[in-house]
Amino acid sequence: MESDAAALRSAPEPPGGRSAARRAYAEVKERLLDGRYAGGTLLSENEIAQGLGVSRTPVRQAFVQLEAEGLLELYPRRGALVVPVSASEADDVLEARLLIEQHAARRAAAAPPVEEMRAAIADQEAALAEAGGGFVRADRRFHHAIVAAAGNRILTKQYEGLRDRHQRIAAATIARDPGRRRRFLDEHRAIAAALERGDGEAAAALLGDHLRGAHELARRRA
């Protein structure tokens, strides 16, 4: 599945010549979501503009949009602070994901998304040693495949509304303990195996353990 930032980079240039602002927005947001810009980091308009080869104006426009999305907090003449994921936000995301994903796993067991799950797991395997956000994007792809396979488009749309928060929390968790990547991958394999044999209850239980374990790590290290 194409990331938000990649989609923005490949989109046609809008009227008014705002391609530089779109590029700045896409690049900064991607780094926010994959953890390269960690919570609490103060971002400099000038440094980002120089790195992207653009003026400060499109970077400032990108910062304003990202502040509206709750990802940055602007400080005039200083830059923008990356808003950390709060403990309460992480708790809310966990609760929403448990409600949606465990229900979806029970439904998806009747017709599991075998190819999509295997592809996501393969992408995670390939990304184990890399420093970028490939592992986290594949993680999101795996979980989204299960939700989509449940066949409830309204529920899927609600779940997609969590995707930025999901990706930020996962990236922060993995950044704090890179060794957990292998464990997360093994847990995905177990969930996929339960779905492939049609055991929705087992898959839902494994999903619950998987989500709670990641959440506990994030809270403990926050």
C-alpha atoms as a PDB file:
ATOM      1  CA  MET A   1       0.000   0.000   0.000  1.00  0.00           C
ATOM      2  CA  GLU A   2       1.433   3.387  -0.946  1.00  0.00           C
ATOM      3  CA  SER A   3       2.232   5.708   1.952  1.00  0.00           C
ATOM      4  CA  ASP A   4       0.489   9.083   2.309  1.00  0.00           C
ATOM      5  CA  ALA A   5       3.744  10.883   1.574  1.00  0.00           C
ATOM      6  CA  ALA A   6       4.487   8.794  -1.492  1.00  0.00           C
ATOM      7  CA  ALA A   7       1.000   9.418  -2.796  1.00  0.00           C
ATOM      8  CA  LEU A   8       1.422  13.152  -2.352  1.00  0.00           C
ATOM      9  CA  ARG A   9       4.772  13.130  -4.146  1.00  0.00           C
ATOM     10  CA  SER A  10       3.286  11.311  -7.128  1.00  0.00           C
ATOM     11  CA  ALA A  11       0.098  13.378  -7.323  1.00  0.00           C
ATOM     12  CA  PRO A  12      -0.314  15.881 -10.189  1.00  0.00           C
ATOM     13  CA  GLU A  13       0.761  19.406  -9.374  1.00  0.00           C
ATOM     14  CA  PRO A  14      -2.256  21.461  -8.278  1.00  0.00           C
ATOM     15  CA  PRO A  15      -3.141  24.830  -9.785  1.00  0.00           C
ATOM     16  CA  GLY A  16      -1.083  27.719  -8.459  1.00  0.00           C
ATOM     17  CA  GLY A  17       2.323  26.050  -8.561  1.00  0.00           C
ATOM     18  CA  ARG A  18       2.235  24.658  -5.034  1.00  0.00           C
ATOM     19  CA  SER A  19       4.380  21.607  -5.807  1.00  0.00           C
ATOM     20  CA  ALA A  20       7.162  22.779  -3.451  1.00  0.00           C
ATOM     21  CA  ALA A  21       4.708  23.049  -0.557  1.00  0.00           C
ATOM     22  CA  ARG A  22       3.271  19.635  -1.356  1.00  0.00           C
ATOM     23  CA  ARG A  23       6.739  18.137  -1.485  1.00  0.00           C
ATOM     24  CA  ALA A  24       7.724  19.737   1.825  1.00  0.00           C
ATOM     25  CA  TYR A  25       4.509  18.504   3.431  1.00  0.00           C
ATOM     26  CA  ALA A  26       4.993  14.977   2.095  1.00  0.00           C
ATOM     27  CA  GLU A  27       8.614  14.716   3.177  1.00  0.00           C
ATOM     28  CA  VAL A  28       8.125  16.140   6.664  1.00  0.00           C
ATOM     29  CA  LYS A  29       5.004  14.078   7.323  1.00  0.00           C
ATOM     30  CA  GLU A  30       6.690  10.877   6.226  1.00  0.00           C
ATOM     31  CA  ARG A  31       9.536  11.528   8.659  1.00  0.00           C
ATOM     32  CA  LEU A  32       7.071  12.292  11.440  1.00  0.00           C
ATOM     33  CA  LEU A  33       5.183   9.054  10.856  1.00  0.00           C
ATOM     34  CA  ASP A  34       8.173   6.758  10.491  1.00  0.00           C
ATOM     35  CA  GLY A  35       9.896   8.117  13.582  1.00  0.00           C
ATOM     36  CA  ARG A  36      12.833   9.929  12.001  1.00  0.00           C
ATOM     37  CA  TYR A  37      11.457  13.099  13.606  1.00  0.00           C
ATOM     38  CA  ALA A  38      10.850  11.886  17.134  1.00  0.00           C
ATOM     39  CA  GLY A  39       8.444  13.456  19.610  1.00  0.00           C
ATOM     40  CA  GLY A  40       9.980  16.458  21.344  1.00  0.00           C
ATOM     41  CA  THR A  41      12.299  17.337  18.434  1.00  0.00           C
ATOM     42  CA  LEU A  42      12.449  21.006  17.425  1.00  0.00           C
ATOM     43  CA  LEU A  43      12.422  21.297  13.632  1.00  0.00           C
ATOM     44  CA  SER A  44      14.094  24.208  11.853  1.00  0.00           C
ATOM     45  CA  GLU A  45      12.416  25.700   8.787  1.00  0.00           C
ATOM     46  CA  ASN A  46      15.788  26.738   7.415  1.00  0.00           C
ATOM     47  CA  GLU A  47      17.448  23.333   7.848  1.00  0.00           C
ATOM     48  CA  ILE A  48      14.566  21.464   6.253  1.00  0.00           C
ATOM     49  CA  ALA A  49      14.341  23.962   3.391  1.00  0.00           C
ATOM     50  CA  GLN A  50      18.068  23.561   2.685  1.00  0.00           C
ATOM     51  CA  GLY A  51      17.788  19.774   2.838  1.00  0.00           C
ATOM     52  CA  LEU A  52      14.913  19.747   0.361  1.00  0.00           C
ATOM     53  CA  GLY A  53      16.367  22.448  -1.896  1.00  0.00           C
ATOM     54  CA  VAL A  54      13.350  24.741  -1.526  1.00  0.00           C
ATOM     55  CA  SER A  55      12.710  28.143   0.042  1.00  0.00           C
ATOM     56  CA  ARG A  56      11.440  28.523   3.597  1.00  0.00           C
ATOM     57  CA  THR A  57       7.941  29.523   2.452  1.00  0.00           C
ATOM     58  CA  PRO A  58       6.745  26.055   1.360  1.00  0.00           C
ATOM     59  CA  VAL A  59       8.247  24.535   4.510  1.00  0.00           C
ATOM     60  CA  ARG A  60       6.352  27.080   6.606  1.00  0.00           C
ATOM     61  CA  GLN A  61       3.143  26.184   4.735  1.00  0.00           C
ATOM     62  CA  ALA A  62       3.792  22.500   5.401  1.00  0.00           C
ATOM     63  CA  PHE A  63       4.348  23.215   9.094  1.00  0.00           C
ATOM     64  CA  VAL A  64       1.021  25.058   9.312  1.00  0.00           C
ATOM     65  CA  GLN A  65      -0.834  22.117   7.747  1.00  0.00           C
ATOM     66  CA  LEU A  66       0.897  19.608  10.000  1.00  0.00           C
ATOM     67  CA  GLU A  67       0.058  21.719  13.046  1.00  0.00           C
ATOM     68  CA  ALA A  68      -3.602  21.550  12.007  1.00  0.00           C
ATOM     69  CA  GLU A  69      -3.264  17.750  11.964  1.00  0.00           C
ATOM     70  CA  GLY A  70      -1.902  17.776  15.517  1.00  0.00           C
ATOM     71  CA  LEU A  71       1.578  16.596  14.563  1.00  0.00           C
ATOM     72  CA  LEU A  72       3.499  19.847  15.135  1.00  0.00           C
ATOM     73  CA  GLU A  73       3.322  22.842  17.453  1.00  0.00           C
ATOM     74  CA  LEU A  74       4.631  26.078  15.937  1.00  0.00           C
ATOM     75  CA  TYR A  75       6.941  28.480  17.735  1.00  0.00           C
ATOM     76  CA  PRO A  76       7.460  31.771  15.823  1.00  0.00           C
ATOM     77  CA  ARG A  77      11.105  32.444  14.910  1.00  0.00           C
ATOM     78  CA  ARG A  78      12.148  29.148  16.521  1.00  0.00           C
ATOM     79  CA  GLY A  79      10.609  26.421  14.398  1.00  0.00           C
ATOM     80  CA  ALA A  80       8.154  23.632  15.080  1.00  0.00           C
ATOM     81  CA  LEU A  81       8.064  21.111  17.916  1.00  0.00           C
ATOM     82  CA  VAL A  82       7.154  17.521  17.088  1.00  0.00           C
ATOM     83  CA  VAL A  83       4.188  16.735  19.330  1.00  0.00           C
ATOM     84  CA  PRO A  84       4.887  13.510  21.243  1.00  0.00           C
ATOM     85  CA  VAL A  85       2.248  10.803  21.363  1.00  0.00           C
ATOM     86  CA  SER A  86       0.669  11.182  24.803  1.00  0.00           C
ATOM     87  CA  ALA A  87      -0.102   8.247  27.071  1.00  0.00           C
ATOM     88  CA  SER A  88      -3.833   9.005  26.858  1.00  0.00           C
ATOM     89  CA  GLU A  89      -3.721   9.060  23.052  1.00  0.00           C
ATOM     90  CA  ALA A  90      -1.888   5.726  22.990  1.00  0.00           C
ATOM     91  CA  ASP A  91      -4.518   4.263  25.333  1.00  0.00           C
ATOM     92  CA  ASP A  92      -7.351   5.520  23.123  1.00  0.00           C
ATOM     93  CA  VAL A  93      -5.737   4.111  19.976  1.00  0.00           C
ATOM     94  CA  LEU A  94      -5.243   0.720  21.661  1.00  0.00           C
ATOM     95  CA  GLU A  95      -8.887   0.564  22.735  1.00  0.00           C
ATOM     96  CA  ALA A  96     -10.123   1.460  19.248  1.00  0.00           C
ATOM     97  CA  ARG A  97      -7.800  -1.036  17.584  1.00  0.00           C
ATOM     98  CA  LEU A  98      -8.798  -3.868  19.910  1.00  0.00           C
ATOM     99  CA  LEU A  99     -12.482  -3.254  19.229  1.00  0.00           C
ATOM    100  CA  ILE A 100     -12.055  -3.117  15.454  1.00  0.00           C
ATOM    101  CA  GLU A 101      -9.271  -5.623  14.795  1.00  0.00           C
ATOM    102  CA  GLN A 102     -10.431  -8.447  17.038  1.00  0.00           C
ATOM    103  CA  HIS A 103     -13.935  -8.236  15.591  1.00  0.00           C
ATOM    104  CA  ALA A 104     -12.467  -8.156  12.084  1.00  0.00           C
ATOM    105  CA  ALA A 105     -10.273 -11.196  12.762  1.00  0.00           C
ATOM    106  CA  ARG A 106     -13.292 -13.265  13.757  1.00  0.00           C
ATOM    107  CA  ARG A 107     -15.080 -12.227  10.570  1.00  0.00           C
ATOM    108  CA  ALA A 108     -12.041 -12.550   8.290  1.00  0.00           C
ATOM    109  CA  ALA A 109     -11.401 -16.159   9.292  1.00  0.00           C
ATOM    110  CA  ALA A 110     -14.127 -17.242   6.860  1.00  0.00           C
ATOM    111  CA  ALA A 111     -12.161 -15.807   3.916  1.00  0.00           C
ATOM    112  CA  PRO A 112      -8.733 -14.712   5.145  1.00  0.00           C
ATOM    113  CA  PRO A 113      -6.598 -12.330   3.040  1.00  0.00           C
ATOM    114  CA  VAL A 114      -3.844 -14.913   2.654  1.00  0.00           C
ATOM    115  CA  GLU A 115      -1.872 -13.313  -0.178  1.00  0.00           C
ATOM    116  CA  GLU A 116      -1.959  -9.819   1.344  1.00  0.00           C
ATOM    117  CA  MET A 117      -0.900 -11.053   4.782  1.00  0.00           C
ATOM    118  CA  ARG A 118       1.947 -13.090   3.326  1.00  0.00           C
ATOM    119  CA  ALA A 119       3.093 -10.142   1.220  1.00  0.00           C
ATOM    120  CA  ALA A 120       3.093  -7.836   4.247  1.00  0.00           C
ATOM    121  CA  ILE A 121       5.049 -10.373   6.287  1.00  0.00           C
ATOM    122  CA  ALA A 122       7.566 -10.750   3.455  1.00  0.00           C
ATOM    123  CA  ASP A 123       7.959  -6.958   3.328  1.00  0.00           C
ATOM    124  CA  GLN A 124       8.580  -6.896   7.071  1.00  0.00           C
ATOM    125  CA  GLU A 125      11.129  -9.695   6.782  1.00  0.00           C
ATOM    126  CA  ALA A 126      12.949  -7.728   4.089  1.00  0.00           C
ATOM    127  CA  ALA A 127      12.862  -4.552   6.195  1.00  0.00           C
ATOM    128  CA  LEU A 128      14.167  -6.097   9.432  1.00  0.00           C
ATOM    129  CA  ALA A 129      17.645  -4.631   9.064  1.00  0.00           C
ATOM    130  CA  GLU A 130      16.790  -1.309   7.440  1.00  0.00           C
ATOM    131  CA  ALA A 131      16.691   2.013   9.245  1.00  0.00           C
ATOM    132  CA  GLY A 132      13.749   3.527   7.332  1.00  0.00           C
ATOM    133  CA  GLY A 133      10.027   3.172   7.810  1.00  0.00           C
ATOM    134  CA  GLY A 134       9.497   0.075   5.652  1.00  0.00           C
ATOM    135  CA  PHE A 135       8.912  -2.231   8.597  1.00  0.00           C
ATOM    136  CA  VAL A 136       6.267   0.034  10.107  1.00  0.00           C
ATOM    137  CA  ARG A 137       4.488   0.540   6.773  1.00  0.00           C
ATOM    138  CA  ALA A 138       4.366  -3.236   6.280  1.00  0.00           C
ATOM    139  CA  ASP A 139       3.018  -3.587   9.813  1.00  0.00           C
ATOM    140  CA  ARG A 140       0.180  -1.227   8.937  1.00  0.00           C
ATOM    141  CA  ARG A 141      -0.450  -3.126   5.712  1.00  0.00           C
ATOM    142  CA  PHE A 142      -0.764  -6.431   7.592  1.00  0.00           C
ATOM    143  CA  HIS A 143      -3.295  -5.130  10.090  1.00  0.00           C
ATOM    144  CA  HIS A 144      -5.270  -3.226   7.457  1.00  0.00           C
ATOM    145  CA  ALA A 145      -5.577  -6.402   5.357  1.00  0.00           C
ATOM    146  CA  ILE A 146      -7.332  -8.187   8.209  1.00  0.00           C
ATOM    147  CA  VAL A 147      -9.737  -5.317   8.835  1.00  0.00           C
ATOM    148  CA  ALA A 148     -10.563  -4.950   5.140  1.00  0.00           C
ATOM    149  CA  ALA A 149     -11.158  -8.707   4.814  1.00  0.00           C
ATOM    150  CA  ALA A 150     -13.996  -8.470   7.327  1.00  0.00           C
ATOM    151  CA  GLY A 151     -16.002  -6.832   4.541  1.00  0.00           C
ATOM    152  CA  ASN A 152     -17.439  -3.880   6.487  1.00  0.00           C
ATOM    153  CA  ARG A 153     -16.551  -0.749   4.519  1.00  0.00           C
ATOM    154  CA  ILE A 154     -17.718   1.627   7.246  1.00  0.00           C
ATOM    155  CA  LEU A 155     -15.592  -0.149   9.838  1.00  0.00           C
ATOM    156  CA  THR A 156     -12.625  -0.148   7.472  1.00  0.00           C
ATOM    157  CA  LYS A 157     -12.980   3.589   6.909  1.00  0.00           C
ATOM    158  CA  GLN A 158     -13.074   4.177  10.660  1.00  0.00           C
ATOM    159  CA  TYR A 159      -9.928   2.095  11.044  1.00  0.00           C
ATOM    160  CA  GLU A 160      -8.163   4.031   8.295  1.00  0.00           C
ATOM    161  CA  GLY A 161      -8.750   7.166  10.358  1.00  0.00           C
ATOM    162  CA  LEU A 162      -6.334   5.720  12.920  1.00  0.00           C
ATOM    163  CA  ARG A 163      -3.536   5.071  10.444  1.00  0.00           C
ATOM    164  CA  ASP A 164      -1.323   8.082  11.202  1.00  0.00           C
ATOM    165  CA  ARG A 165      -1.540   7.480  14.949  1.00  0.00           C
ATOM    166  CA  HIS A 166      -1.013   3.754  14.429  1.00  0.00           C
ATOM    167  CA  GLN A 167       2.126   4.367  12.387  1.00  0.00           C
ATOM    168  CA  ARG A 168       3.593   6.955  14.775  1.00  0.00           C
ATOM    169  CA  ILE A 169       3.097   4.747  17.829  1.00  0.00           C
ATOM    170  CA  ALA A 170       4.538   1.700  16.076  1.00  0.00           C
ATOM    171  CA  ALA A 171       7.552   3.665  14.840  1.00  0.00           C
ATOM    172  CA  ALA A 172       8.230   5.098  18.303  1.00  0.00           C
ATOM    173  CA  THR A 173       7.940   1.663  19.903  1.00  0.00           C
ATOM    174  CA  ILE A 174      10.326   0.033  17.453  1.00  0.00           C
ATOM    175  CA  ALA A 175      12.782   2.924  17.659  1.00  0.00           C
ATOM    176  CA  ARG A 176      13.019   2.441  21.414  1.00  0.00           C
ATOM    177  CA  ASP A 177      13.582  -1.311  21.123  1.00  0.00           C
ATOM    178  CA  PRO A 178      14.654  -2.395  17.599  1.00  0.00           C
ATOM    179  CA  GLY A 179      15.051  -5.958  18.838  1.00  0.00           C
ATOM    180  CA  ARG A 180      11.285  -6.265  19.132  1.00  0.00           C
ATOM    181  CA  ARG A 181      10.932  -6.255  15.344  1.00  0.00           C
ATOM    182  CA  ARG A 182      11.588  -9.991  15.182  1.00  0.00           C
ATOM    183  CA  ARG A 183       9.037 -10.674  17.907  1.00  0.00           C
ATOM    184  CA  PHE A 184       6.396  -8.561  16.174  1.00  0.00           C
ATOM    185  CA  LEU A 185       7.066 -10.435  12.932  1.00  0.00           C
ATOM    186  CA  ASP A 186       6.708 -13.814  14.658  1.00  0.00           C
ATOM    187  CA  GLU A 187       3.433 -12.663  16.201  1.00  0.00           C
ATOM    188  CA  HIS A 188       2.154 -11.649  12.771  1.00  0.00           C
ATOM    189  CA  ARG A 189       3.002 -15.101  11.450  1.00  0.00           C
ATOM    190  CA  ALA A 190       1.036 -16.713  14.283  1.00  0.00           C
ATOM    191  CA  ILE A 191      -1.987 -14.494  13.645  1.00  0.00           C
ATOM    192  CA  ALA A 192      -1.849 -15.259   9.909  1.00  0.00           C
ATOM    193  CA  ALA A 193      -1.577 -18.991  10.577  1.00  0.00           C
ATOM    194  CA  ALA A 194      -4.665 -18.934  12.805  1.00  0.00           C
ATOM    195  CA  LEU A 195      -6.643 -17.096  10.131  1.00  0.00           C
ATOM    196  CA  GLU A 196      -5.472 -19.439   7.381  1.00  0.00           C
ATOM    197  CA  ARG A 197      -6.765 -22.432   9.317  1.00  0.00           C
ATOM    198  CA  GLY A 198     -10.075 -20.604   9.867  1.00  0.00           C
ATOM    199  CA  ASP A 199      -9.726 -20.142  13.631  1.00  0.00           C
ATOM    200  CA  GLY A 200     -11.045 -16.637  14.151  1.00  0.00           C
ATOM    201  CA  GLU A 201     -11.165 -16.875  17.940  1.00  0.00           C
ATOM    202  CA  ALA A 202      -7.505 -17.850  18.140  1.00  0.00           C
ATOM    203  CA  ALA A 203      -6.559 -15.085  15.711  1.00  0.00           C
ATOM    204  CA  ALA A 204      -8.506 -12.523  17.759  1.00  0.00           C
ATOM    205  CA  ALA A 205      -6.811 -13.656  20.974  1.00  0.00           C
ATOM    206  CA  LEU A 206      -3.362 -13.514  19.370  1.00  0.00           C
ATOM    207  CA  LEU A 207      -4.122 -10.064  17.975  1.00  0.00           C
ATOM    208  CA  GLY A 208      -5.148  -8.843  21.405  1.00  0.00           C
ATOM    209  CA  ASP A 209      -1.926 -10.105  22.973  1.00  0.00           C
ATOM    210  CA  HIS A 210       0.098  -8.596  20.143  1.00  0.00           C
ATOM    211  CA  LEU A 211      -1.492  -5.148  20.430  1.00  0.00           C
ATOM    212  CA  ARG A 212      -1.338  -5.063  24.232  1.00  0.00           C
ATOM    213  CA  GLY A 213       2.309  -6.141  24.253  1.00  0.00           C
ATOM    214  CA  ALA A 214       3.315  -3.345  21.887  1.00  0.00           C
ATOM    215  CA  HIS A 215       1.246  -0.872  23.890  1.00  0.00           C
ATOM    216  CA  GLU A 216       2.836  -1.868  27.190  1.00  0.00           C
ATOM    217  CA  LEU A 217       6.280  -1.390  25.689  1.00  0.00           C
ATOM    218  CA  ALA A 218       5.345   2.050  24.389  1.00  0.00           C
ATOM    219  CA  ARG A 219       3.918   3.114  27.762  1.00  0.00           C
ATOM    220  CA  ARG A 220       6.845   1.709  29.744  1.00  0.00           C
ATOM    221  CA  ARG A 221       9.400   3.554  27.649  1.00  0.00           C
ATOM    222  CA  ALA A 222       7.446   6.778  27.132  1.00  0.00           C
END
